[in-house]
N, C-alpha and C. Protein backbone atom coordinates (compact mmCIF):
# COMPACT_ATOMS: atom_id res chain seq x y z
N UNK A 1 0.85 -0.97 0.27
CA UNK A 1 -0.07 0.00 0.09
C UNK A 1 1.04 1.40 -0.08
N UNK A 2 0.39 2.41 -0.87
CA UNK A 2 1.42 3.44 -0.94
C UNK A 2 0.59 4.42 -0.67
N UNK A 3 0.97 5.74 -0.96
CA UNK A 3 0.10 7.06 -0.75
C UNK A 3 -0.82 7.17 -1.53
N UNK A 4 -0.85 6.63 -2.86
CA UNK A 4 -1.67 6.85 -3.74
C UNK A 4 -2.99 6.18 -3.49
N UNK A 5 -2.73 4.76 -2.95
CA UNK A 5 -3.63 3.71 -2.28
C UNK A 5 -4.68 4.62 -1.43
N UNK A 6 -3.66 5.14 -0.27
CA UNK A 6 -4.45 5.74 0.45
C UNK A 6 -5.22 6.93 0.37
N UNK A 7 -4.83 7.62 -0.67
CA UNK A 7 -5.28 9.04 -1.04
C UNK A 7 -6.73 8.34 -1.89
N UNK A 8 -6.66 7.35 -2.81
CA UNK A 8 -7.69 6.69 -3.53
C UNK A 8 -8.61 6.18 -2.71
N UNK A 9 -8.54 5.38 -1.33
CA UNK A 9 -9.16 5.35 -0.62
C UNK A 9 -9.95 6.28 0.21
N UNK A 10 -9.37 7.28 0.45
CA UNK A 10 -9.91 8.30 1.33
C UNK A 10 -11.04 9.00 0.15
N UNK A 11 -10.50 9.24 -1.05
CA UNK A 11 -11.44 9.89 -1.88
C UNK A 11 -12.93 9.00 -1.94
N UNK A 12 -12.62 7.80 -2.22
CA UNK A 12 -13.58 6.56 -2.17
C UNK A 12 -14.50 6.59 -0.93
N UNK A 13 -13.91 6.79 0.01
CA UNK A 13 -14.90 6.85 1.40
C UNK A 13 -15.54 8.22 1.41
N UNK A 14 -14.89 9.37 1.27
CA UNK A 14 -15.44 10.37 1.10
C UNK A 14 -17.19 10.58 -0.02
N UNK A 15 -16.51 9.87 -1.20
CA UNK A 15 -17.70 9.92 -2.02
C UNK A 15 -18.85 9.31 -1.59
N UNK A 16 -18.46 7.95 -0.87
CA UNK A 16 -19.43 6.96 -0.37
C UNK A 16 -20.22 7.87 0.72
N UNK A 17 -19.75 8.59 1.51
CA UNK A 17 -20.41 9.03 2.75
C UNK A 17 -21.29 10.10 2.25
N UNK A 18 -20.70 10.93 1.00
CA UNK A 18 -22.03 11.79 0.70
C UNK A 18 -23.10 11.12 0.03
N UNK A 19 -22.67 10.17 -1.09
CA UNK A 19 -23.81 9.50 -1.90
C UNK A 19 -24.75 8.73 -0.69
N UNK A 20 -24.25 7.94 0.23
CA UNK A 20 -25.27 7.69 1.08
C UNK A 20 -26.12 8.14 2.05
N UNK A 21 -25.31 9.16 2.43
CA UNK A 21 -26.22 10.09 3.21
C UNK A 21 -27.00 10.95 2.35
N UNK A 22 -26.79 11.54 1.19
CA UNK A 22 -27.71 12.37 0.57
C UNK A 22 -28.87 11.50 -0.36
N UNK A 23 -28.35 10.30 -0.63
CA UNK A 23 -29.48 9.29 -1.15
C UNK A 23 -30.48 8.90 -0.25
N UNK A 24 -30.13 8.69 0.94
CA UNK A 24 -30.80 8.01 2.15
C UNK A 24 -31.97 9.56 2.49
N UNK A 25 -31.49 10.50 2.77
CA UNK A 25 -32.07 11.92 2.95
C UNK A 25 -32.97 12.22 2.00
N UNK A 26 -32.59 12.22 0.60
CA UNK A 26 -33.46 12.73 -0.21
C UNK A 26 -34.30 11.61 -0.98
N UNK A 27 -33.23 10.81 -1.79
CA UNK A 27 -33.76 9.93 -2.67
C UNK A 27 -35.02 8.81 -2.05
N UNK A 28 -34.36 8.37 -0.80
CA UNK A 28 -34.94 7.32 -0.13
C UNK A 28 -36.46 8.03 0.43
N UNK A 29 -36.17 9.15 1.34
CA UNK A 29 -37.46 9.64 1.85
C UNK A 29 -38.67 9.84 0.92
N UNK A 30 -38.08 10.62 -0.21
CA UNK A 30 -39.03 11.23 -1.19
C UNK A 30 -39.77 9.70 -2.00
N UNK A 31 -38.92 8.93 -2.09
CA UNK A 31 -39.49 7.50 -2.91
C UNK A 31 -40.28 6.72 -1.83
N UNK A 32 -40.23 6.59 -0.72
CA UNK A 32 -40.98 5.74 0.19
C UNK A 32 -40.79 4.38 0.16
N UNK A 33 -41.84 3.75 0.27
CA UNK A 33 -41.74 2.19 0.19
C UNK A 33 -40.98 1.72 0.66
N UNK A 34 -40.16 0.66 -0.09
CA UNK A 34 -39.04 -0.19 0.67
C UNK A 34 -37.90 0.75 0.75
N UNK A 35 -37.93 1.78 -0.07
CA UNK A 35 -36.70 3.04 0.41
C UNK A 35 -36.49 3.37 1.69
N UNK A 36 -37.68 3.31 2.31
CA UNK A 36 -38.00 3.63 3.84
C UNK A 36 -37.84 2.57 4.92
N UNK A 37 -37.40 1.47 4.33
CA UNK A 37 -37.52 0.53 5.71
C UNK A 37 -36.51 0.89 6.60
N UNK A 38 -37.01 0.87 7.74
CA UNK A 38 -36.10 1.31 8.86
C UNK A 38 -34.62 0.50 8.89
N UNK A 39 -34.52 -0.53 8.75
CA UNK A 39 -33.27 -1.54 8.46
C UNK A 39 -32.28 -0.92 7.28
N UNK A 40 -33.17 -0.55 6.02
CA UNK A 40 -32.58 -0.15 4.99
C UNK A 40 -31.94 1.54 5.29
N UNK A 41 -32.58 2.23 5.89
CA UNK A 41 -32.46 3.67 6.07
C UNK A 41 -31.06 3.69 7.23
N UNK A 42 -31.20 2.75 8.14
CA UNK A 42 -30.24 2.76 9.07
C UNK A 42 -28.87 1.99 8.43
N UNK A 43 -28.91 1.18 7.51
CA UNK A 43 -27.60 0.53 7.11
C UNK A 43 -27.03 1.66 6.25
N UNK A 44 -27.72 2.61 5.47
CA UNK A 44 -27.26 3.38 4.70
C UNK A 44 -26.56 4.80 5.66
N UNK A 45 -27.43 4.94 6.85
CA UNK A 45 -26.60 6.05 7.70
C UNK A 45 -25.55 5.12 8.13
N UNK A 46 -25.16 3.98 8.68
CA UNK A 46 -24.03 3.37 9.16
C UNK A 46 -22.95 3.56 8.22
N UNK A 47 -23.24 3.20 6.93
CA UNK A 47 -22.46 3.37 5.82
C UNK A 47 -21.98 4.41 5.63
N UNK A 48 -22.58 5.62 5.51
CA UNK A 48 -22.17 6.72 5.35
C UNK A 48 -21.18 7.30 6.72
N UNK A 49 -21.63 6.94 7.89
CA UNK A 49 -20.81 7.49 9.15
C UNK A 49 -19.60 6.49 9.29
N UNK A 50 -19.49 5.01 8.67
CA UNK A 50 -18.22 4.54 8.70
C UNK A 50 -17.26 4.91 7.69
N UNK A 51 -17.82 5.02 6.54
CA UNK A 51 -16.91 6.07 5.71
C UNK A 51 -16.32 6.95 6.21
N UNK A 52 -16.97 8.14 6.65
CA UNK A 52 -16.59 9.51 7.25
C UNK A 52 -15.32 8.77 7.89
N UNK A 53 -15.79 8.14 9.05
CA UNK A 53 -14.81 7.64 10.39
C UNK A 53 -13.49 7.16 9.70
N UNK A 54 -13.52 6.33 8.54
CA UNK A 54 -12.38 5.76 8.02
C UNK A 54 -11.85 6.73 7.17
N UNK A 55 -12.13 7.65 6.79
CA UNK A 55 -11.54 8.58 6.05
C UNK A 55 -10.89 9.63 7.09
N UNK A 56 -11.46 9.78 8.07
CA UNK A 56 -10.87 10.44 9.18
C UNK A 56 -9.52 9.91 9.65
N UNK A 57 -9.51 8.63 10.06
CA UNK A 57 -8.69 7.77 10.47
C UNK A 57 -7.39 7.97 9.68
N UNK A 58 -7.69 7.71 8.34
CA UNK A 58 -6.35 8.23 7.45
C UNK A 58 -5.79 9.10 7.20
N UNK A 59 -6.82 9.85 7.35
CA UNK A 59 -6.40 11.61 7.13
C UNK A 59 -5.44 11.93 8.24
N UNK A 60 -5.60 11.41 9.36
CA UNK A 60 -4.85 11.64 10.68
C UNK A 60 -3.51 11.03 10.76
N UNK A 61 -3.56 9.53 9.84
CA UNK A 61 -2.37 8.75 9.43
C UNK A 61 -2.13 7.78 10.88
N UNK A 62 -3.46 7.66 11.24
CA UNK A 62 -3.59 6.53 12.39
C UNK A 62 -3.39 5.02 11.76
N UNK A 63 -2.67 4.32 12.64
CA UNK A 63 -2.90 2.93 12.16
C UNK A 63 -4.25 2.28 12.29
N UNK A 64 -4.75 2.73 13.09
CA UNK A 64 -6.15 2.29 13.36
C UNK A 64 -7.22 2.21 12.16
N UNK A 65 -6.81 2.97 11.21
CA UNK A 65 -7.30 2.88 9.80
C UNK A 65 -7.48 1.22 9.06
N UNK A 66 -6.73 0.75 9.35
CA UNK A 66 -6.73 -0.69 9.04
C UNK A 66 -8.03 -1.32 9.69
N UNK A 67 -8.04 -1.22 10.83
CA UNK A 67 -9.46 -1.88 11.33
C UNK A 67 -10.57 -1.31 10.89
N UNK A 68 -10.86 0.14 11.00
CA UNK A 68 -11.97 0.79 10.21
C UNK A 68 -12.15 0.51 8.80
N UNK A 69 -11.18 0.29 8.08
CA UNK A 69 -11.20 0.01 6.77
C UNK A 69 -12.00 -1.19 6.75
N UNK A 70 -11.60 -2.16 7.45
CA UNK A 70 -12.09 -3.87 7.59
C UNK A 70 -13.43 -3.85 7.85
N UNK A 71 -13.90 -2.90 8.76
CA UNK A 71 -15.26 -2.81 9.24
C UNK A 71 -15.97 -2.24 7.91
N UNK A 72 -15.29 -1.08 7.35
CA UNK A 72 -15.80 -0.35 6.26
C UNK A 72 -16.40 -1.11 5.14
N UNK A 73 -15.30 -1.80 4.68
CA UNK A 73 -15.47 -2.48 3.59
C UNK A 73 -16.74 -3.77 3.69
N UNK A 74 -17.03 -4.26 4.97
CA UNK A 74 -18.01 -5.20 5.10
C UNK A 74 -19.56 -4.52 4.98
N UNK A 75 -19.37 -3.37 5.98
CA UNK A 75 -20.50 -2.48 6.01
C UNK A 75 -20.97 -1.79 4.09
N UNK A 76 -19.86 -1.46 3.54
CA UNK A 76 -20.18 -1.02 2.38
C UNK A 76 -20.85 -2.31 1.59
N UNK A 77 -20.48 -3.35 1.70
CA UNK A 77 -20.57 -4.29 0.80
C UNK A 77 -22.30 -4.87 1.13
N UNK A 78 -22.63 -4.68 2.44
CA UNK A 78 -24.05 -4.85 3.11
C UNK A 78 -24.83 -3.98 2.43
N UNK A 79 -24.12 -2.45 2.56
CA UNK A 79 -25.22 -1.58 1.67
C UNK A 79 -25.62 -1.89 0.37
N UNK A 80 -24.64 -2.20 -0.07
CA UNK A 80 -24.52 -2.13 -1.73
C UNK A 80 -25.66 -3.26 -2.07
N UNK A 81 -25.36 -4.27 -1.40
CA UNK A 81 -26.31 -5.43 -1.64
C UNK A 81 -27.69 -5.11 -1.37
N UNK A 82 -27.98 -4.55 -0.09
CA UNK A 82 -29.53 -4.10 0.24
C UNK A 82 -29.66 -2.86 -0.76
N UNK A 83 -29.07 -1.69 -1.19
CA UNK A 83 -29.57 -1.12 -2.10
C UNK A 83 -30.10 -1.64 -3.63
N UNK A 84 -29.36 -2.75 -3.83
CA UNK A 84 -29.63 -3.50 -5.28
C UNK A 84 -30.92 -4.05 -4.73
N UNK A 85 -30.97 -4.65 -3.53
CA UNK A 85 -32.21 -5.39 -3.30
C UNK A 85 -33.72 -4.43 -3.31
N UNK A 86 -33.56 -3.26 -2.86
CA UNK A 86 -34.63 -2.19 -2.62
C UNK A 86 -34.66 -1.44 -4.19
N UNK A 87 -33.82 -1.41 -5.21
CA UNK A 87 -33.77 -1.27 -6.42
C UNK A 87 -33.98 0.42 -6.72
N UNK A 88 -33.44 0.63 -8.22
CA UNK A 88 -33.57 2.17 -8.64
C UNK A 88 -32.55 2.89 -7.64
N UNK A 89 -31.29 2.19 -7.49
CA UNK A 89 -30.34 2.96 -6.47
C UNK A 89 -28.78 2.47 -7.14
N UNK A 90 -28.91 2.77 -8.49
CA UNK A 90 -27.62 2.11 -9.00
C UNK A 90 -26.64 2.89 -8.73
N UNK A 91 -26.52 4.22 -8.30
CA UNK A 91 -25.43 5.06 -7.93
C UNK A 91 -24.79 4.71 -6.91
N UNK A 92 -25.68 4.37 -6.01
CA UNK A 92 -25.22 4.16 -4.48
C UNK A 92 -24.70 2.68 -4.48
N UNK A 93 -25.28 1.65 -5.42
CA UNK A 93 -24.57 0.45 -5.23
C UNK A 93 -23.01 0.57 -5.67
N UNK A 94 -23.22 1.19 -6.87
CA UNK A 94 -21.52 1.24 -7.59
C UNK A 94 -20.58 2.02 -6.65
N UNK A 95 -21.19 3.01 -5.87
CA UNK A 95 -20.23 3.72 -4.95
C UNK A 95 -19.84 3.10 -3.80
N UNK A 96 -20.83 2.04 -3.18
CA UNK A 96 -20.52 1.44 -1.95
C UNK A 96 -19.51 0.25 -2.49
N UNK A 97 -19.73 -0.40 -3.69
CA UNK A 97 -19.01 -1.25 -4.05
C UNK A 97 -17.53 -1.27 -4.34
N UNK A 98 -17.25 0.15 -4.74
CA UNK A 98 -15.99 0.72 -5.14
C UNK A 98 -15.43 1.14 -3.67
N UNK A 99 -16.10 1.54 -2.79
CA UNK A 99 -15.68 1.90 -1.28
C UNK A 99 -15.00 0.63 -0.92
N UNK A 100 -16.01 -0.46 -0.96
CA UNK A 100 -15.51 -1.72 -0.18
C UNK A 100 -14.38 -2.22 -0.88
N UNK A 101 -14.13 -2.37 -1.92
CA UNK A 101 -12.84 -2.52 -2.63
C UNK A 101 -11.66 -2.07 -2.26
N UNK A 102 -11.88 -0.50 -2.34
CA UNK A 102 -10.65 0.06 -1.72
C UNK A 102 -10.53 0.00 -0.30
N UNK A 103 -11.42 -0.13 0.55
CA UNK A 103 -10.94 -0.49 1.91
C UNK A 103 -10.63 -1.86 2.29
N UNK A 104 -11.08 -2.49 1.28
CA UNK A 104 -10.26 -4.25 1.84
C UNK A 104 -8.67 -4.08 1.33
N UNK A 105 -8.36 -3.36 0.57
CA UNK A 105 -6.90 -3.16 0.10
C UNK A 105 -6.28 -2.28 0.97
N UNK A 106 -6.84 -1.13 1.76
CA UNK A 106 -6.23 -0.65 2.81
C UNK A 106 -6.38 -1.53 4.26
N UNK A 107 -7.11 -2.53 4.42
CA UNK A 107 -7.15 -3.17 5.60
C UNK A 107 -6.24 -4.32 5.45
N UNK A 108 -5.87 -4.76 4.45
CA UNK A 108 -4.87 -5.85 3.66
C UNK A 108 -4.10 -6.17 4.86
């Protein structure tokens, strides 16, 4: 892992944070139905927060980022799967999958 990989992961985490939070608060709440199932919304908010926290730890240079990135990869993968299940959330699915992959590399 190098500085380029870490910067790419920070960028992926921040993009996922923005996308999940914005999608949950706007698209999902406005769409209703399955989009507003409590477990789905909670998972999206957890994903956003884990991504934010992982980016923060990487930005501080803490070795603890390995642990947060491992958790982030799992939560992002779960969020992508659930967004795919709900449907009409292709951007969120793609961003979560990309972040999960990048975080797996950083957790390495």
